[in-house]
C-alpha atoms as a PDB file:
ATOM      1  CA  MET A   1     143.601  64.008 135.242  1.00  0.00           C
ATOM      2  CA  SER A   2     144.166  61.816 138.307  1.00  0.00           C
ATOM      3  CA  ASP A   3     147.232  59.602 138.504  1.00  0.00           C
ATOM      4  CA  ASN A   4     145.055  56.487 138.190  1.00  0.00           C
ATOM      5  CA  CYS A   5     143.223  57.853 135.150  1.00  0.00           C
ATOM      6  CA  ASN A   6     146.516  59.102 133.763  1.00  0.00           C
ATOM      7  CA  LYS A   7     148.055  55.624 134.008  1.00  0.00           C
ATOM      8  CA  LYS A   8     145.007  54.044 132.368  1.00  0.00           C
ATOM      9  CA  ILE A   9     145.196  56.484 129.486  1.00  0.00           C
ATOM     10  CA  THR A  10     148.942  56.196 128.967  1.00  0.00           C
ATOM     11  CA  ASP A  11     148.657  52.401 129.108  1.00  0.00           C
ATOM     12  CA  ARG A  12     145.914  52.593 126.489  1.00  0.00           C
ATOM     13  CA  VAL A  13     148.098  54.823 124.279  1.00  0.00           C
ATOM     14  CA  ARG A  14     150.865  52.241 124.531  1.00  0.00           C
ATOM     15  CA  GLU A  15     148.359  49.567 123.444  1.00  0.00           C
ATOM     16  CA  ILE A  16     147.290  51.724 120.491  1.00  0.00           C
ATOM     17  CA  CYS A  17     150.925  52.105 119.417  1.00  0.00           C
ATOM     18  CA  ALA A  18     151.512  48.364 119.795  1.00  0.00           C
ATOM     19  CA  SER A  19     148.404  47.601 117.724  1.00  0.00           C
ATOM     20  CA  HIS A  20     150.132  49.529 114.921  1.00  0.00           C
ATOM     21  CA  HIS A  21     153.378  47.594 115.558  1.00  0.00           C
ATOM     22  CA  ASN A  22     155.008  50.780 116.916  1.00  0.00           C
ATOM     23  CA  ASN A  23     155.415  51.790 113.279  1.00  0.00           C
ATOM     24  CA  SER A  24     156.216  55.489 112.914  1.00  0.00           C
ATOM     25  CA  GLY A  25     154.563  55.367 109.481  1.00  0.00           C
ATOM     26  CA  GLU A  26     151.275  54.944 111.357  1.00  0.00           C
ATOM     27  CA  LEU A  27     151.778  58.120 113.405  1.00  0.00           C
ATOM     28  CA  ILE A  28     148.672  59.925 112.148  1.00  0.00           C
ATOM     29  CA  MET A  29     146.410  56.910 112.738  1.00  0.00           C
ATOM     30  CA  ILE A  30     147.886  56.440 116.212  1.00  0.00           C
ATOM     31  CA  LEU A  31     147.330  60.117 117.042  1.00  0.00           C
ATOM     32  CA  HIS A  32     143.706  59.909 115.829  1.00  0.00           C
ATOM     33  CA  GLU A  33     143.063  56.969 118.131  1.00  0.00           C
ATOM     34  CA  ALA A  34     144.939  58.544 121.038  1.00  0.00           C
ATOM     35  CA  GLN A  35     142.998  61.799 120.686  1.00  0.00           C
ATOM     36  CA  SER A  36     139.723  59.875 120.905  1.00  0.00           C
ATOM     37  CA  LEU A  37     140.617  58.959 124.502  1.00  0.00           C
ATOM     38  CA  LEU A  38     140.663  62.531 125.865  1.00  0.00           C
ATOM     39  CA  GLY A  39     139.476  64.672 122.998  1.00  0.00           C
ATOM     40  CA  TYR A  40     142.915  66.280 122.700  1.00  0.00           C
ATOM     41  CA  LEU A  41     146.626  65.389 122.755  1.00  0.00           C
ATOM     42  CA  PRO A  42     148.392  66.811 125.815  1.00  0.00           C
ATOM     43  CA  GLN A  43     152.181  66.800 125.936  1.00  0.00           C
ATOM     44  CA  GLU A  44     152.364  63.682 128.117  1.00  0.00           C
ATOM     45  CA  ILE A  45     150.398  61.666 125.536  1.00  0.00           C
ATOM     46  CA  GLN A  46     152.631  62.974 122.740  1.00  0.00           C
ATOM     47  CA  GLU A  47     155.668  61.910 124.775  1.00  0.00           C
ATOM     48  CA  VAL A  48     154.302  58.365 125.193  1.00  0.00           C
ATOM     49  CA  VAL A  49     153.699  58.114 121.435  1.00  0.00           C
ATOM     50  CA  ALA A  50     157.211  59.393 120.653  1.00  0.00           C
ATOM     51  CA  GLU A  51     158.741  56.951 123.123  1.00  0.00           C
ATOM     52  CA  GLN A  52     156.786  53.970 121.789  1.00  0.00           C
ATOM     53  CA  LEU A  53     157.533  54.776 118.136  1.00  0.00           C
ATOM     54  CA  GLU A  54     161.145  55.703 118.934  1.00  0.00           C
ATOM     55  CA  ILE A  55     160.874  59.065 117.198  1.00  0.00           C
ATOM     56  CA  PRO A  56     161.661  62.576 118.459  1.00  0.00           C
ATOM     57  CA  ILE A  57     158.909  64.343 120.393  1.00  0.00           C
ATOM     58  CA  ALA A  58     159.397  67.248 117.961  1.00  0.00           C
ATOM     59  CA  GLN A  59     158.217  65.011 115.119  1.00  0.00           C
ATOM     60  CA  VAL A  60     155.039  64.094 116.997  1.00  0.00           C
ATOM     61  CA  TYR A  61     154.433  67.722 117.992  1.00  0.00           C
ATOM     62  CA  GLY A  62     155.028  68.833 114.396  1.00  0.00           C
ATOM     63  CA  VAL A  63     152.294  66.515 113.126  1.00  0.00           C
ATOM     64  CA  VAL A  64     149.894  67.446 115.937  1.00  0.00           C
ATOM     65  CA  THR A  65     150.284  71.170 115.280  1.00  0.00           C
ATOM     66  CA  PHE A  66     150.276  70.882 111.482  1.00  0.00           C
ATOM     67  CA  TYR A  67     146.908  69.149 111.103  1.00  0.00           C
ATOM     68  CA  SER A  68     143.887  71.146 112.249  1.00  0.00           C
ATOM     69  CA  TYR A  69     142.065  67.963 113.299  1.00  0.00           C
ATOM     70  CA  PHE A  70     144.429  67.520 116.232  1.00  0.00           C
ATOM     71  CA  SER A  71     144.224  69.651 119.334  1.00  0.00           C
ATOM     72  CA  ILE A  72     146.672  70.223 122.158  1.00  0.00           C
ATOM     73  CA  GLU A  73     143.988  71.991 124.205  1.00  0.00           C
ATOM     74  CA  PRO A  74     140.857  70.411 125.697  1.00  0.00           C
ATOM     75  CA  LYS A  75     137.760  70.893 123.579  1.00  0.00           C
ATOM     76  CA  GLY A  76     134.177  71.191 124.657  1.00  0.00           C
ATOM     77  CA  ARG A  77     132.023  68.089 124.884  1.00  0.00           C
ATOM     78  CA  PHE A  78     130.411  69.295 121.660  1.00  0.00           C
ATOM     79  CA  PRO A  79     133.059  70.892 119.421  1.00  0.00           C
ATOM     80  CA  ILE A  80     131.533  73.281 116.900  1.00  0.00           C
ATOM     81  CA  SER A  81     133.282  74.028 113.602  1.00  0.00           C
ATOM     82  CA  VAL A  82     132.058  76.674 111.195  1.00  0.00           C
ATOM     83  CA  CYS A  83     133.024  76.082 107.578  1.00  0.00           C
ATOM     84  CA  MET A  84     134.628  79.180 106.084  1.00  0.00           C
ATOM     85  CA  GLY A  85     135.186  77.731 102.612  1.00  0.00           C
ATOM     86  CA  THR A  86     134.225  79.891  99.647  1.00  0.00           C
ATOM     87  CA  ALA A  87     130.671  78.593  99.205  1.00  0.00           C
ATOM     88  CA  CYS A  88     129.902  78.823 102.929  1.00  0.00           C
ATOM     89  CA  TYR A  89     131.515  82.222 103.291  1.00  0.00           C
ATOM     90  CA  VAL A  90     129.587  83.659 100.345  1.00  0.00           C
ATOM     91  CA  ARG A  91     126.335  82.263 101.755  1.00  0.00           C
ATOM     92  CA  GLY A  92     126.735  83.820 105.198  1.00  0.00           C
ATOM     93  CA  ALA A  93     129.110  81.725 107.304  1.00  0.00           C
ATOM     94  CA  GLU A  94     130.505  84.872 108.895  1.00  0.00           C
ATOM     95  CA  LYS A  95     127.047  85.797 110.238  1.00  0.00           C
ATOM     96  CA  ILE A  96     126.596  82.225 111.531  1.00  0.00           C
ATOM     97  CA  LEU A  97     129.938  82.458 113.327  1.00  0.00           C
ATOM     98  CA  GLU A  98     129.051  85.831 114.864  1.00  0.00           C
ATOM     99  CA  GLU A  99     125.731  84.434 116.105  1.00  0.00           C
ATOM    100  CA  LEU A 100     127.431  81.394 117.655  1.00  0.00           C
ATOM    101  CA  GLU A 101     129.955  83.666 119.382  1.00  0.00           C
ATOM    102  CA  ARG A 102     127.122  85.829 120.673  1.00  0.00           C
ATOM    103  CA  GLN A 103     124.960  82.987 121.968  1.00  0.00           C
ATOM    104  CA  LEU A 104     127.811  80.940 123.434  1.00  0.00           C
ATOM    105  CA  GLU A 105     129.601  84.039 124.765  1.00  0.00           C
ATOM    106  CA  ILE A 106     132.963  82.778 123.467  1.00  0.00           C
ATOM    107  CA  LYS A 107     135.304  83.559 120.600  1.00  0.00           C
ATOM    108  CA  VAL A 108     136.916  81.212 118.082  1.00  0.00           C
ATOM    109  CA  GLY A 109     139.377  78.923 119.854  1.00  0.00           C
ATOM    110  CA  GLU A 110     137.578  79.134 123.202  1.00  0.00           C
ATOM    111  CA  THR A 111     135.444  76.727 125.212  1.00  0.00           C
ATOM    112  CA  THR A 112     132.304  77.652 127.145  1.00  0.00           C
ATOM    113  CA  SER A 113     132.710  77.864 130.925  1.00  0.00           C
ATOM    114  CA  ASP A 114     130.485  74.795 131.386  1.00  0.00           C
ATOM    115  CA  GLY A 115     132.777  72.784 129.069  1.00  0.00           C
ATOM    116  CA  LEU A 116     129.938  71.912 126.694  1.00  0.00           C
ATOM    117  CA  PHE A 117     130.970  73.774 123.555  1.00  0.00           C
ATOM    118  CA  SER A 118     134.189  74.844 121.877  1.00  0.00           C
ATOM    119  CA  LEU A 119     134.194  76.964 118.736  1.00  0.00           C
ATOM    120  CA  ASN A 120     136.492  76.816 115.739  1.00  0.00           C
ATOM    121  CA  CYS A 121     136.548  77.470 112.019  1.00  0.00           C
ATOM    122  CA  LEU A 122     137.705  75.174 109.273  1.00  0.00           C
ATOM    123  CA  ARG A 123     138.470  75.611 105.602  1.00  0.00           C
ATOM    124  CA  CYS A 124     136.009  73.225 103.974  1.00  0.00           C
ATOM    125  CA  VAL A 125     133.643  70.484 105.111  1.00  0.00           C
ATOM    126  CA  GLY A 126     133.087  69.283 101.557  1.00  0.00           C
ATOM    127  CA  ALA A 127     129.347  69.893 101.661  1.00  0.00           C
ATOM    128  CA  CYS A 128     129.280  73.017  99.501  1.00  0.00           C
ATOM    129  CA  GLY A 129     125.755  72.306  98.245  1.00  0.00           C
ATOM    130  CA  LEU A 130     124.533  72.706 101.841  1.00  0.00           C
ATOM    131  CA  ALA A 131     126.312  76.004 102.487  1.00  0.00           C
ATOM    132  CA  PRO A 132     126.610  77.524 104.999  1.00  0.00           C
ATOM    133  CA  VAL A 133     127.632  74.486 107.040  1.00  0.00           C
ATOM    134  CA  VAL A 134     128.441  73.940 110.704  1.00  0.00           C
ATOM    135  CA  THR A 135     129.524  70.699 112.330  1.00  0.00           C
ATOM    136  CA  ILE A 136     128.867  69.856 115.948  1.00  0.00           C
ATOM    137  CA  GLY A 137     130.863  66.752 116.753  1.00  0.00           C
ATOM    138  CA  ASP A 138     130.200  64.412 113.837  1.00  0.00           C
ATOM    139  CA  LYS A 139     126.834  65.955 112.912  1.00  0.00           C
ATOM    140  CA  VAL A 140     126.599  68.299 109.919  1.00  0.00           C
ATOM    141  CA  TYR A 141     124.090  71.162 109.849  1.00  0.00           C
ATOM    142  CA  GLY A 142     123.540  72.676 106.420  1.00  0.00           C
ATOM    143  CA  ARG A 143     121.673  75.595 104.904  1.00  0.00           C
ATOM    144  CA  LEU A 144     121.928  77.361 108.223  1.00  0.00           C
ATOM    145  CA  THR A 145     120.516  80.716 109.071  1.00  0.00           C
ATOM    146  CA  THR A 146     121.174  82.673 112.252  1.00  0.00           C
ATOM    147  CA  ASP A 147     117.620  82.059 113.480  1.00  0.00           C
ATOM    148  CA  LYS A 148     118.224  78.268 113.551  1.00  0.00           C
ATOM    149  CA  ILE A 149     121.229  78.484 115.883  1.00  0.00           C
ATOM    150  CA  ARG A 150     119.267  78.852 119.146  1.00  0.00           C
ATOM    151  CA  ASP A 151     117.193  75.707 118.509  1.00  0.00           C
ATOM    152  CA  ILE A 152     120.243  73.664 117.492  1.00  0.00           C
ATOM    153  CA  LEU A 153     122.153  74.657 120.644  1.00  0.00           C
ATOM    154  CA  ALA A 154     119.050  74.029 122.790  1.00  0.00           C
ATOM    155  CA  ASP A 155     119.014  70.386 121.643  1.00  0.00           C
ATOM    156  CA  TYR A 156     122.523  69.927 123.051  1.00  0.00           C
ATOM    157  CA  TYR A 157     121.696  71.655 126.333  1.00  0.00           C
ATOM    158  CA  ILE A 158     118.657  69.368 126.712  1.00  0.00           C
ATOM    159  CA  ARG A 159     120.887  66.290 126.220  1.00  0.00           C
ATOM    160  CA  GLU A 160     122.987  67.377 129.182  1.00  0.00           C
ATOM    161  CA  GLN A 161     120.082  67.681 131.642  1.00  0.00           C
END
């Protein structure tokens, strides 16, 4: 992040905090909005939030690390989450995950070298009737089979050309 970009982002985080009246009770909402700026919450952003809300940085960090939605590491442009809830697991989520790891050449928690994809698991998407389920960004893919993975990923690679 350049200094100019850094200042723009930290100024925007201050605005987000102010829009919530610097109310520490709004911490989670503020963090959601702040994360949308970069896709993750680096330490410097957490420090700005703590300063604006007049709360300890440890409190901000505790919330960021407790909730799986938040990330302290950069994610890929298209974050992929494989649901490992009971219904998805029973219907083959593990095979879907293995196929994604194979095709993307990354493991869970990693990002592809081109920065396009990051791969994670989550407990439940809440779409059990569509199991197994994968989300890519905000899009939900249900009733997946390993042979559908290549075509789904290809759509995202095409978008980037």
